[in-house]
C-alpha atoms as a PDB file:
ATOM      1  CA  MET A   1      -0.160   0.047   0.058  1.00  0.00           C
ATOM      2  CA  LYS A   2       1.400   3.484  -0.965  1.00  0.00           C
ATOM      3  CA  SER A   3       2.685   5.586   2.069  1.00  0.00           C
ATOM      4  CA  PRO A   4       0.255   9.090   2.716  1.00  0.00           C
ATOM      5  CA  PRO A   5       1.299  11.993   1.014  1.00  0.00           C
ATOM      6  CA  SER A   6       3.674  13.799   3.973  1.00  0.00           C
ATOM      7  CA  PRO A   7       2.720  17.121   5.334  1.00  0.00           C
ATOM      8  CA  LEU A   8       4.714  19.338   3.440  1.00  0.00           C
ATOM      9  CA  ARG A   9       3.198  18.124  -0.057  1.00  0.00           C
ATOM     10  CA  ARG A  10      -0.392  18.272   1.650  1.00  0.00           C
ATOM     11  CA  LEU A  11       0.921  22.295   2.674  1.00  0.00           C
ATOM     12  CA  LEU A  12       2.232  22.824  -1.253  1.00  0.00           C
ATOM     13  CA  ILE A  13      -0.956  22.227  -2.291  1.00  0.00           C
ATOM     14  CA  SER A  14      -3.769  23.308  -0.441  1.00  0.00           C
ATOM     15  CA  VAL A  15      -1.431  26.037   0.547  1.00  0.00           C
ATOM     16  CA  LEU A  16      -0.043  27.081  -2.481  1.00  0.00           C
ATOM     17  CA  GLY A  17      -2.295  25.941  -4.885  1.00  0.00           C
ATOM     18  CA  PRO A  18      -1.038  25.696  -9.100  1.00  0.00           C
ATOM     19  CA  PRO A  19       2.482  27.224  -8.192  1.00  0.00           C
ATOM     20  CA  ALA A  20       3.656  24.765  -6.511  1.00  0.00           C
ATOM     21  CA  VAL A  21       2.400  22.363  -8.705  1.00  0.00           C
ATOM     22  CA  ALA A  22       4.393  24.409 -11.599  1.00  0.00           C
ATOM     23  CA  TYR A  23       7.444  24.817  -9.392  1.00  0.00           C
ATOM     24  CA  VAL A  24       7.376  21.089  -8.746  1.00  0.00           C
ATOM     25  CA  SER A  25       6.632  20.178 -12.748  1.00  0.00           C
ATOM     26  CA  SER A  26       9.582  22.965 -13.593  1.00  0.00           C
ATOM     27  CA  ARG A  27      12.506  21.025 -11.495  1.00  0.00           C
ATOM     28  CA  PHE A  28      11.597  17.904 -11.400  1.00  0.00           C
ATOM     29  CA  PRO A  29      10.512  17.444 -14.789  1.00  0.00           C
ATOM     30  CA  LEU A  30       9.900  13.081 -13.453  1.00  0.00           C
ATOM     31  CA  GLY A  31       7.469  14.787 -11.565  1.00  0.00           C
ATOM     32  CA  ARG A  32       5.758  16.579 -13.485  1.00  0.00           C
ATOM     33  CA  GLU A  33       1.973  14.023 -13.830  1.00  0.00           C
ATOM     34  CA  ARG A  34       2.874  12.970 -10.012  1.00  0.00           C
ATOM     35  CA  ALA A  35       2.605  16.351  -8.999  1.00  0.00           C
ATOM     36  CA  ALA A  36       0.143  17.585 -10.946  1.00  0.00           C
ATOM     37  CA  ARG A  37      -1.969  14.492  -9.538  1.00  0.00           C
ATOM     38  CA  LEU A  38      -1.416  15.368  -6.208  1.00  0.00           C
ATOM     39  CA  GLY A  39      -2.660  18.750  -7.063  1.00  0.00           C
ATOM     40  CA  MET A  40      -5.783  17.886  -8.920  1.00  0.00           C
ATOM     41  CA  ALA A  41      -6.643  15.162  -5.654  1.00  0.00           C
ATOM     42  CA  TYR A  42      -6.496  18.212  -3.214  1.00  0.00           C
ATOM     43  CA  ALA A  43      -8.397  20.707  -5.344  1.00  0.00           C
ATOM     44  CA  PHE A  44     -11.332  18.380  -5.863  1.00  0.00           C
ATOM     45  CA  ALA A  45     -11.576  17.285  -2.021  1.00  0.00           C
ATOM     46  CA  ARG A  46     -10.954  21.032  -0.715  1.00  0.00           C
ATOM     47  CA  GLY A  47     -13.747  22.302  -3.314  1.00  0.00           C
ATOM     48  CA  LEU A  48     -12.648  25.387  -3.995  1.00  0.00           C
ATOM     49  CA  ASP A  49     -14.659  28.514  -5.526  1.00  0.00           C
ATOM     50  CA  PHE A  50     -12.036  30.681  -8.012  1.00  0.00           C
ATOM     51  CA  ARG A  51     -12.195  33.247 -10.873  1.00  0.00           C
ATOM     52  CA  LYS A  52      -9.004  31.897 -12.944  1.00  0.00           C
ATOM     53  CA  ARG A  53      -7.507  33.385 -16.390  1.00  0.00           C
ATOM     54  CA  LEU A  54      -7.207  30.649 -18.765  1.00  0.00           C
ATOM     55  CA  ARG A  55      -4.267  30.572 -20.676  1.00  0.00           C
ATOM     56  CA  PHE A  56      -5.810  32.055 -24.370  1.00  0.00           C
ATOM     57  CA  GLY A  57      -6.477  35.084 -21.972  1.00  0.00           C
ATOM     58  CA  ALA A  58     -10.360  34.825 -20.671  1.00  0.00           C
ATOM     59  CA  LEU A  59     -11.616  34.347 -17.450  1.00  0.00           C
ATOM     60  CA  ALA A  60     -13.834  31.564 -15.959  1.00  0.00           C
ATOM     61  CA  GLU A  61     -15.184  30.240 -13.273  1.00  0.00           C
ATOM     62  CA  GLY A  62     -15.726  27.549 -10.980  1.00  0.00           C
ATOM     63  CA  ASN A  63     -15.044  25.447  -7.767  1.00  0.00           C
ATOM     64  CA  THR A  64     -13.120  22.352  -8.070  1.00  0.00           C
ATOM     65  CA  ARG A  65     -15.545  19.884  -7.154  1.00  0.00           C
ATOM     66  CA  ASN A  66     -16.235  20.094 -10.897  1.00  0.00           C
ATOM     67  CA  LEU A  67     -13.690  17.396 -13.169  1.00  0.00           C
ATOM     68  CA  LEU A  68     -13.209  20.049 -15.565  1.00  0.00           C
ATOM     69  CA  ASP A  69     -13.296  22.929 -13.345  1.00  0.00           C
ATOM     70  CA  THR A  70     -10.159  21.817 -11.459  1.00  0.00           C
ATOM     71  CA  HIS A  71      -8.358  21.340 -14.515  1.00  0.00           C
ATOM     72  CA  LEU A  72      -9.012  24.736 -15.402  1.00  0.00           C
ATOM     73  CA  PHE A  73      -7.952  25.970 -12.105  1.00  0.00           C
ATOM     74  CA  LEU A  74      -4.845  23.817 -12.065  1.00  0.00           C
ATOM     75  CA  PHE A  75      -3.520  24.168 -15.417  1.00  0.00           C
ATOM     76  CA  GLY A  76      -5.686  26.743 -17.721  1.00  0.00           C
ATOM     77  CA  GLU A  77      -6.672  24.713 -19.982  1.00  0.00           C
ATOM     78  CA  TRP A  78      -8.946  22.198 -21.442  1.00  0.00           C
ATOM     79  CA  GLU A  79      -8.513  18.771 -23.627  1.00  0.00           C
ATOM     80  CA  PRO A  80      -4.704  20.794 -24.147  1.00  0.00           C
ATOM     81  CA  HIS A  81      -5.034  18.562 -27.830  1.00  0.00           C
ATOM     82  CA  ILE A  82      -8.030  19.442 -28.651  1.00  0.00           C
ATOM     83  CA  SER A  83      -7.473  23.642 -27.755  1.00  0.00           C
ATOM     84  CA  ASP A  84      -4.635  23.800 -29.613  1.00  0.00           C
ATOM     85  CA  TRP A  85      -5.735  22.210 -32.790  1.00  0.00           C
ATOM     86  CA  MET A  86      -8.638  25.064 -32.677  1.00  0.00           C
ATOM     87  CA  ALA A  87      -6.929  27.731 -31.962  1.00  0.00           C
ATOM     88  CA  SER A  88      -5.393  26.925 -35.068  1.00  0.00           C
ATOM     89  CA  ARG A  89      -8.350  27.024 -36.861  1.00  0.00           C
ATOM     90  CA  LEU A  90     -10.798  30.088 -35.711  1.00  0.00           C
ATOM     91  CA  ALA A  91      -9.738  33.495 -37.102  1.00  0.00           C
ATOM     92  CA  PRO A  92     -11.203  36.906 -36.739  1.00  0.00           C
ATOM     93  CA  GLY A  93     -14.969  37.293 -38.731  1.00  0.00           C
ATOM     94  CA  ASP A  94     -15.248  33.295 -38.151  1.00  0.00           C
ATOM     95  CA  VAL A  95     -18.553  31.651 -36.710  1.00  0.00           C
ATOM     96  CA  PHE A  96     -17.769  28.542 -34.330  1.00  0.00           C
ATOM     97  CA  ILE A  97     -20.697  26.652 -33.242  1.00  0.00           C
ATOM     98  CA  ASP A  98     -20.926  25.121 -29.755  1.00  0.00           C
ATOM     99  CA  VAL A  99     -23.543  22.383 -28.995  1.00  0.00           C
ATOM    100  CA  GLY A 100     -22.606  20.886 -26.178  1.00  0.00           C
ATOM    101  CA  ALA A 101     -21.251  23.873 -24.550  1.00  0.00           C
ATOM    102  CA  ASN A 102     -21.293  23.002 -21.180  1.00  0.00           C
ATOM    103  CA  LEU A 103     -19.869  25.822 -18.618  1.00  0.00           C
ATOM    104  CA  GLY A 104     -18.416  27.504 -21.758  1.00  0.00           C
ATOM    105  CA  TYR A 105     -14.625  26.804 -22.117  1.00  0.00           C
ATOM    106  CA  TYR A 106     -14.636  25.872 -25.721  1.00  0.00           C
ATOM    107  CA  THR A 107     -16.800  29.172 -26.520  1.00  0.00           C
ATOM    108  CA  LEU A 108     -14.590  31.034 -24.646  1.00  0.00           C
ATOM    109  CA  LEU A 109     -11.872  30.511 -26.946  1.00  0.00           C
ATOM    110  CA  ALA A 110     -13.248  30.641 -29.414  1.00  0.00           C
ATOM    111  CA  SER A 111     -14.984  34.019 -28.780  1.00  0.00           C
ATOM    112  CA  ARG A 112     -11.458  35.387 -28.146  1.00  0.00           C
ATOM    113  CA  ARG A 113     -10.207  34.165 -31.601  1.00  0.00           C
ATOM    114  CA  VAL A 114     -13.198  35.214 -33.853  1.00  0.00           C
ATOM    115  CA  GLY A 115     -13.141  38.505 -32.547  1.00  0.00           C
ATOM    116  CA  PRO A 116     -16.073  41.857 -32.650  1.00  0.00           C
ATOM    117  CA  SER A 117     -16.567  40.839 -36.443  1.00  0.00           C
ATOM    118  CA  GLY A 118     -17.243  36.544 -35.293  1.00  0.00           C
ATOM    119  CA  LYS A 119     -20.048  34.681 -34.206  1.00  0.00           C
ATOM    120  CA  VAL A 120     -20.442  32.133 -31.956  1.00  0.00           C
ATOM    121  CA  ILE A 121     -23.171  30.571 -30.823  1.00  0.00           C
ATOM    122  CA  ALA A 122     -23.673  28.027 -28.235  1.00  0.00           C
ATOM    123  CA  VAL A 123     -26.291  25.169 -27.658  1.00  0.00           C
ATOM    124  CA  GLU A 124     -26.476  23.815 -23.946  1.00  0.00           C
ATOM    125  CA  ALA A 125     -29.393  21.850 -23.268  1.00  0.00           C
ATOM    126  CA  SER A 126     -29.016  22.002 -18.991  1.00  0.00           C
ATOM    127  CA  PRO A 127     -30.426  24.626 -17.313  1.00  0.00           C
ATOM    128  CA  SER A 128     -28.051  24.493 -14.148  1.00  0.00           C
ATOM    129  CA  ILE A 129     -24.680  24.357 -16.804  1.00  0.00           C
ATOM    130  CA  GLY A 130     -26.609  27.267 -18.881  1.00  0.00           C
ATOM    131  CA  ARG A 131     -26.497  29.519 -15.465  1.00  0.00           C
ATOM    132  CA  HIS A 132     -22.788  28.860 -15.235  1.00  0.00           C
ATOM    133  CA  LEU A 133     -21.960  28.728 -19.237  1.00  0.00           C
ATOM    134  CA  ARG A 134     -23.809  32.227 -19.412  1.00  0.00           C
ATOM    135  CA  ARG A 135     -22.242  33.675 -16.133  1.00  0.00           C
ATOM    136  CA  ASN A 136     -19.135  32.584 -17.488  1.00  0.00           C
ATOM    137  CA  VAL A 137     -19.629  34.333 -20.945  1.00  0.00           C
ATOM    138  CA  GLU A 138     -21.423  37.641 -18.583  1.00  0.00           C
ATOM    139  CA  ILE A 139     -17.764  38.367 -17.259  1.00  0.00           C
ATOM    140  CA  ASN A 140     -15.995  37.821 -20.298  1.00  0.00           C
ATOM    141  CA  SER A 141     -18.440  40.630 -21.482  1.00  0.00           C
ATOM    142  CA  GLY A 142     -19.180  38.093 -24.040  1.00  0.00           C
ATOM    143  CA  ALA A 143     -21.187  40.449 -27.015  1.00  0.00           C
ATOM    144  CA  ASN A 144     -20.332  37.789 -29.896  1.00  0.00           C
ATOM    145  CA  VAL A 145     -21.945  34.711 -28.377  1.00  0.00           C
ATOM    146  CA  VAL A 146     -25.406  33.611 -28.675  1.00  0.00           C
ATOM    147  CA  ILE A 147     -27.012  30.787 -26.718  1.00  0.00           C
ATOM    148  CA  HIS A 148     -29.643  28.777 -26.888  1.00  0.00           C
ATOM    149  CA  ASN A 149     -30.812  26.652 -23.710  1.00  0.00           C
ATOM    150  CA  VAL A 150     -32.304  24.060 -25.560  1.00  0.00           C
ATOM    151  CA  ALA A 151     -31.423  20.120 -26.763  1.00  0.00           C
ATOM    152  CA  ALA A 152     -30.111  19.427 -30.451  1.00  0.00           C
ATOM    153  CA  SER A 153     -32.507  16.595 -31.817  1.00  0.00           C
ATOM    154  CA  ASP A 154     -33.432  15.754 -35.790  1.00  0.00           C
ATOM    155  CA  ARG A 155     -37.396  17.296 -34.710  1.00  0.00           C
ATOM    156  CA  PRO A 156     -39.008  19.478 -32.237  1.00  0.00           C
ATOM    157  CA  GLU A 157     -40.575  17.042 -28.949  1.00  0.00           C
ATOM    158  CA  VAL A 158     -39.478  17.242 -25.120  1.00  0.00           C
ATOM    159  CA  LEU A 159     -36.891  15.117 -23.766  1.00  0.00           C
ATOM    160  CA  ARG A 160     -35.760  14.430 -20.274  1.00  0.00           C
ATOM    161  CA  LEU A 161     -32.563  14.846 -19.015  1.00  0.00           C
ATOM    162  CA  PHE A 162     -30.400  13.120 -16.824  1.00  0.00           C
ATOM    163  CA  LYS A 163     -28.119  14.967 -14.615  1.00  0.00           C
ATOM    164  CA  GLY A 164     -24.750  13.392 -14.225  1.00  0.00           C
ATOM    165  CA  PRO A 165     -22.886  12.506 -11.639  1.00  0.00           C
ATOM    166  CA  PRO A 166     -21.501  14.799  -8.624  1.00  0.00           C
ATOM    167  CA  GLY A 167     -18.037  16.191  -9.875  1.00  0.00           C
ATOM    168  CA  ASN A 168     -18.377  15.481 -13.762  1.00  0.00           C
ATOM    169  CA  PRO A 169     -21.857  17.521 -14.446  1.00  0.00           C
ATOM    170  CA  ALA A 170     -20.558  17.117 -18.354  1.00  0.00           C
ATOM    171  CA  GLU A 171     -21.904  13.730 -18.284  1.00  0.00           C
ATOM    172  CA  THR A 172     -25.433  14.970 -18.609  1.00  0.00           C
ATOM    173  CA  THR A 173     -27.404  13.136 -21.146  1.00  0.00           C
ATOM    174  CA  THR A 174     -30.841  12.532 -22.469  1.00  0.00           C
ATOM    175  CA  ALA A 175     -29.725   8.805 -22.295  1.00  0.00           C
ATOM    176  CA  ALA A 176     -31.885   7.197 -19.716  1.00  0.00           C
ATOM    177  CA  ALA A 177     -29.663   4.199 -20.517  1.00  0.00           C
ATOM    178  CA  ALA A 178     -26.551   5.940 -18.554  1.00  0.00           C
ATOM    179  CA  GLY A 179     -28.538   5.720 -14.962  1.00  0.00           C
ATOM    180  CA  PHE A 180     -28.397   9.099 -14.260  1.00  0.00           C
ATOM    181  CA  GLU A 181     -31.081  10.927 -11.813  1.00  0.00           C
ATOM    182  CA  LEU A 182     -33.426  13.220 -14.097  1.00  0.00           C
ATOM    183  CA  GLU A 183     -32.671  16.232 -13.675  1.00  0.00           C
ATOM    184  CA  CYS A 184     -35.707  18.237 -15.648  1.00  0.00           C
ATOM    185  CA  GLU A 185     -37.419  17.718 -19.456  1.00  0.00           C
ATOM    186  CA  VAL A 186     -36.138  19.601 -21.976  1.00  0.00           C
ATOM    187  CA  PRO A 187     -37.155  21.256 -25.065  1.00  0.00           C
ATOM    188  CA  ALA A 188     -35.157  19.550 -28.129  1.00  0.00           C
ATOM    189  CA  VAL A 189     -35.013  21.269 -31.290  1.00  0.00           C
ATOM    190  CA  ARG A 190     -33.312  20.959 -34.884  1.00  0.00           C
ATOM    191  CA  LEU A 191     -30.051  23.170 -34.991  1.00  0.00           C
ATOM    192  CA  ASP A 192     -31.646  24.101 -38.343  1.00  0.00           C
ATOM    193  CA  SER A 193     -34.096  26.203 -36.572  1.00  0.00           C
ATOM    194  CA  VAL A 194     -31.698  27.797 -34.220  1.00  0.00           C
ATOM    195  CA  ILE A 195     -28.617  28.432 -36.867  1.00  0.00           C
ATOM    196  CA  SER A 196     -29.318  30.538 -39.688  1.00  0.00           C
ATOM    197  CA  PRO A 197     -28.383  29.474 -43.171  1.00  0.00           C
ATOM    198  CA  ASP A 198     -26.147  32.521 -43.537  1.00  0.00           C
ATOM    199  CA  ASP A 199     -24.107  31.995 -40.086  1.00  0.00           C
ATOM    200  CA  PHE A 200     -23.815  27.994 -41.308  1.00  0.00           C
ATOM    201  CA  ARG A 201     -22.463  28.884 -43.996  1.00  0.00           C
ATOM    202  CA  ARG A 202     -20.217  30.747 -42.487  1.00  0.00           C
ATOM    203  CA  ALA A 203     -18.923  28.234 -39.523  1.00  0.00           C
ATOM    204  CA  ARG A 204     -15.024  27.262 -39.571  1.00  0.00           C
ATOM    205  CA  ILE A 205     -16.096  24.843 -36.691  1.00  0.00           C
ATOM    206  CA  LEU A 206     -18.874  22.833 -35.493  1.00  0.00           C
ATOM    207  CA  LYS A 207     -18.543  21.169 -32.766  1.00  0.00           C
ATOM    208  CA  LEU A 208     -20.567  18.587 -31.013  1.00  0.00           C
ATOM    209  CA  ASP A 209     -20.498  16.504 -27.959  1.00  0.00           C
ATOM    210  CA  ILE A 210     -23.496  15.785 -26.238  1.00  0.00           C
ATOM    211  CA  GLU A 211     -23.195  12.509 -25.035  1.00  0.00           C
ATOM    212  CA  GLY A 212     -24.504  10.083 -27.675  1.00  0.00           C
ATOM    213  CA  ALA A 213     -26.973  12.604 -29.267  1.00  0.00           C
ATOM    214  CA  GLU A 214     -24.383  13.800 -31.772  1.00  0.00           C
ATOM    215  CA  HIS A 215     -25.896  10.924 -34.915  1.00  0.00           C
ATOM    216  CA  SER A 216     -29.225  12.992 -33.906  1.00  0.00           C
ATOM    217  CA  ALA A 217     -28.085  16.776 -33.689  1.00  0.00           C
ATOM    218  CA  LEU A 218     -26.429  16.191 -37.417  1.00  0.00           C
ATOM    219  CA  ARG A 219     -29.690  14.310 -38.815  1.00  0.00           C
ATOM    220  CA  GLY A 220     -31.064  18.340 -37.299  1.00  0.00           C
ATOM    221  CA  LEU A 221     -28.445  20.115 -40.004  1.00  0.00           C
ATOM    222  CA  THR A 222     -28.724  18.108 -43.075  1.00  0.00           C
ATOM    223  CA  GLY A 223     -30.507  20.825 -44.532  1.00  0.00           C
ATOM    224  CA  LEU A 224     -27.590  22.815 -44.258  1.00  0.00           C
ATOM    225  CA  LEU A 225     -24.395  19.930 -44.534  1.00  0.00           C
ATOM    226  CA  GLY A 226     -24.880  20.334 -48.507  1.00  0.00           C
ATOM    227  CA  THR A 227     -23.962  24.509 -48.288  1.00  0.00           C
ATOM    228  CA  THR A 228     -21.256  25.199 -46.271  1.00  0.00           C
ATOM    229  CA  HIS A 229     -18.449  26.984 -46.703  1.00  0.00           C
ATOM    230  CA  PRO A 230     -15.672  23.972 -48.218  1.00  0.00           C
ATOM    231  CA  ASP A 231     -13.296  24.565 -44.752  1.00  0.00           C
ATOM    232  CA  LEU A 232     -16.321  24.022 -42.682  1.00  0.00           C
ATOM    233  CA  GLU A 233     -15.379  21.072 -39.937  1.00  0.00           C
ATOM    234  CA  ILE A 234     -16.866  19.245 -37.605  1.00  0.00           C
ATOM    235  CA  LEU A 235     -15.386  17.692 -34.224  1.00  0.00           C
ATOM    236  CA  ALA A 236     -17.608  15.340 -32.489  1.00  0.00           C
ATOM    237  CA  GLU A 237     -17.143  13.028 -29.506  1.00  0.00           C
ATOM    238  CA  ALA A 238     -17.719   9.439 -30.504  1.00  0.00           C
ATOM    239  CA  ASN A 239     -17.719   5.781 -29.312  1.00  0.00           C
ATOM    240  CA  VAL A 240     -17.951   2.643 -30.924  1.00  0.00           C
ATOM    241  CA  ARG A 241     -19.939   0.647 -27.942  1.00  0.00           C
ATOM    242  CA  PRO A 242     -22.174   3.514 -26.935  1.00  0.00           C
ATOM    243  CA  ARG A 243     -24.294   3.085 -24.185  1.00  0.00           C
ATOM    244  CA  GLY A 244     -28.380   3.321 -24.832  1.00  0.00           C
ATOM    245  CA  GLU A 245     -30.393   2.594 -27.465  1.00  0.00           C
ATOM    246  CA  GLY A 246     -30.156   5.214 -30.186  1.00  0.00           C
ATOM    247  CA  ALA A 247     -27.116   6.463 -28.500  1.00  0.00           C
ATOM    248  CA  SER A 248     -24.777   7.377 -31.691  1.00  0.00           C
ATOM    249  CA  ARG A 249     -21.839   4.927 -32.976  1.00  0.00           C
ATOM    250  CA  ALA A 250     -18.786   6.807 -34.431  1.00  0.00           C
ATOM    251  CA  SER A 251     -19.576   4.574 -37.489  1.00  0.00           C
ATOM    252  CA  ASP A 252     -22.704   6.413 -37.875  1.00  0.00           C
ATOM    253  CA  LEU A 253     -21.909   9.288 -38.358  1.00  0.00           C
ATOM    254  CA  ILE A 254     -18.604   8.388 -40.195  1.00  0.00           C
ATOM    255  CA  THR A 255     -21.363   7.164 -42.877  1.00  0.00           C
ATOM    256  CA  LEU A 256     -23.627  10.344 -42.467  1.00  0.00           C
ATOM    257  CA  LEU A 257     -20.992  12.850 -42.693  1.00  0.00           C
ATOM    258  CA  ALA A 258     -19.036  11.168 -46.014  1.00  0.00           C
ATOM    259  CA  ALA A 259     -22.297  11.626 -48.494  1.00  0.00           C
ATOM    260  CA  PHE A 260     -21.122  15.188 -47.938  1.00  0.00           C
ATOM    261  CA  GLY A 261     -17.927  14.963 -48.515  1.00  0.00           C
ATOM    262  CA  PHE A 262     -16.238  14.905 -45.138  1.00  0.00           C
ATOM    263  CA  HIS A 263     -12.809  12.397 -44.191  1.00  0.00           C
ATOM    264  CA  PRO A 264     -12.631  11.080 -40.321  1.00  0.00           C
ATOM    265  CA  TYR A 265      -9.413  12.326 -38.363  1.00  0.00           C
ATOM    266  CA  GLU A 266      -8.946  11.327 -35.039  1.00  0.00           C
ATOM    267  CA  VAL A 267      -7.617  13.874 -32.637  1.00  0.00           C
ATOM    268  CA  GLU A 268      -5.188  12.475 -29.247  1.00  0.00           C
ATOM    269  CA  ASN A 269      -7.262  13.132 -26.259  1.00  0.00           C
ATOM    270  CA  PRO A 270      -5.821  10.872 -23.228  1.00  0.00           C
ATOM    271  CA  TYR A 271      -7.981  10.579 -20.519  1.00  0.00           C
ATOM    272  CA  THR A 272      -5.100  11.653 -18.198  1.00  0.00           C
ATOM    273  CA  LEU A 273      -2.882  14.228 -17.110  1.00  0.00           C
ATOM    274  CA  ALA A 274       0.250  13.696 -19.523  1.00  0.00           C
ATOM    275  CA  PRO A 275      -0.894  16.366 -22.391  1.00  0.00           C
ATOM    276  CA  TYR A 276      -1.178  18.878 -19.239  1.00  0.00           C
ATOM    277  CA  VAL A 277       2.628  19.140 -17.854  1.00  0.00           C
ATOM    278  CA  SER A 278       4.153  17.550 -21.047  1.00  0.00           C
ATOM    279  CA  ARG A 279       6.362  20.038 -22.601  1.00  0.00           C
ATOM    280  CA  ARG A 280       6.232  17.986 -26.569  1.00  0.00           C
ATOM    281  CA  PRO A 281       4.165  19.727 -29.463  1.00  0.00           C
ATOM    282  CA  LYS A 282       0.815  18.681 -29.721  1.00  0.00           C
ATOM    283  CA  ALA A 283      -1.136  15.995 -31.190  1.00  0.00           C
ATOM    284  CA  ARG A 284      -2.253  17.207 -34.642  1.00  0.00           C
ATOM    285  CA  PRO A 285      -5.855  14.980 -36.052  1.00  0.00           C
ATOM    286  CA  ARG A 286      -4.768  11.651 -37.650  1.00  0.00           C
ATOM    287  CA  ARG A 287      -6.583  10.479 -41.480  1.00  0.00           C
ATOM    288  CA  VAL A 288      -9.210   7.140 -39.421  1.00  0.00           C
ATOM    289  CA  ARG A 289      -8.024   3.790 -41.684  1.00  0.00           C
ATOM    290  CA  THR A 290      -7.460   1.456 -38.856  1.00  0.00           C
ATOM    291  CA  GLY A 291     -10.509   0.767 -35.963  1.00  0.00           C
ATOM    292  CA  LEU A 292     -10.693   3.655 -33.628  1.00  0.00           C
ATOM    293  CA  GLU A 293     -10.231   3.512 -29.798  1.00  0.00           C
ATOM    294  CA  GLU A 294     -13.671   2.974 -27.708  1.00  0.00           C
ATOM    295  CA  ARG A 295     -14.121   6.473 -27.080  1.00  0.00           C
ATOM    296  CA  CYS A 296     -13.274   8.911 -29.141  1.00  0.00           C
ATOM    297  CA  ASP A 297     -12.531  12.543 -30.879  1.00  0.00           C
ATOM    298  CA  LEU A 298     -12.942  12.715 -34.534  1.00  0.00           C
ATOM    299  CA  VAL A 299     -12.486  15.695 -36.645  1.00  0.00           C
ATOM    300  CA  PHE A 300     -14.382  15.372 -40.130  1.00  0.00           C
ATOM    301  CA  SER A 301     -12.619  17.693 -42.906  1.00  0.00           C
ATOM    302  CA  ARG A 302     -13.276  17.649 -47.071  1.00  0.00           C
ATOM    303  CA  ARG A 303      -9.426  17.804 -46.835  1.00  0.00           C
ATOM    304  CA  ASP A 304      -8.212  14.562 -48.287  1.00  0.00           C
ATOM    305  CA  VAL A 305      -4.293  14.163 -45.839  1.00  0.00           C
ATOM    306  CA  GLU A 306      -3.401  12.416 -43.813  1.00  0.00           C
ATOM    307  CA  GLU A 307      -2.493  14.636 -40.876  1.00  0.00           C
ATOM    308  CA  LEU A 308      -4.668  18.367 -40.448  1.00  0.00           C
END
């Protein structure tokens, strides 16, 4: 059995917080990930309310009892490989569509990148998460952000929404098979009813992370997918064997988007702390040629290359 952390380590993390983690990471390279895990554990246990300036300059508020917020508190970023790719794609004047905006991390990143001449459309089904999203947009004076507090589907309907587990509300889902507590019923709409044809033609990235409902959401856009800018790229979380009847499979997304000329690429997104403390260049999305991992993040692009 591993011995508990020493009093000195507990003091460094609980009192000094992120600066202590940064110091250990810079002085002792082999201990970077271990120091980060220590910081995550203590920050999560303490449940700290915070306001943090993120790596790309925006402010975010949160509490470290939330897994995503704990990453923002300690590292100032979330999903480093995806964040780096997204920042490299967006430019002033672009439109970014964030379906499953959660607390607004990617919404804020895009808002900074596209600037006053661009636009961010954020779609979030959960009323409770939506309030946190609105707060993060407000403290950044996000005048270029439009928020829709609805679920995305292939038809207008009312869906039951199940709250993600304590510490990870990002898993909030409309899939009853997840076994989560019912949060509420929410209106669901086709995305082409809240995104104008002009905005969709200007869209540079469409991001979908809605816990198994990605395929249904895309079916609600099929009337617009043939009218998009040639450079549109689609980022979607996918599962090879999803939980619950009707949940999106990676193969479903690949088949649907292939009909519109999109090729699949996988972006590295390990569920470890290594990318947060590594000094290696961030990985680029690579063309899907063989089998996929159980859970993966896919980028769909009309570019026919090996690496984006």
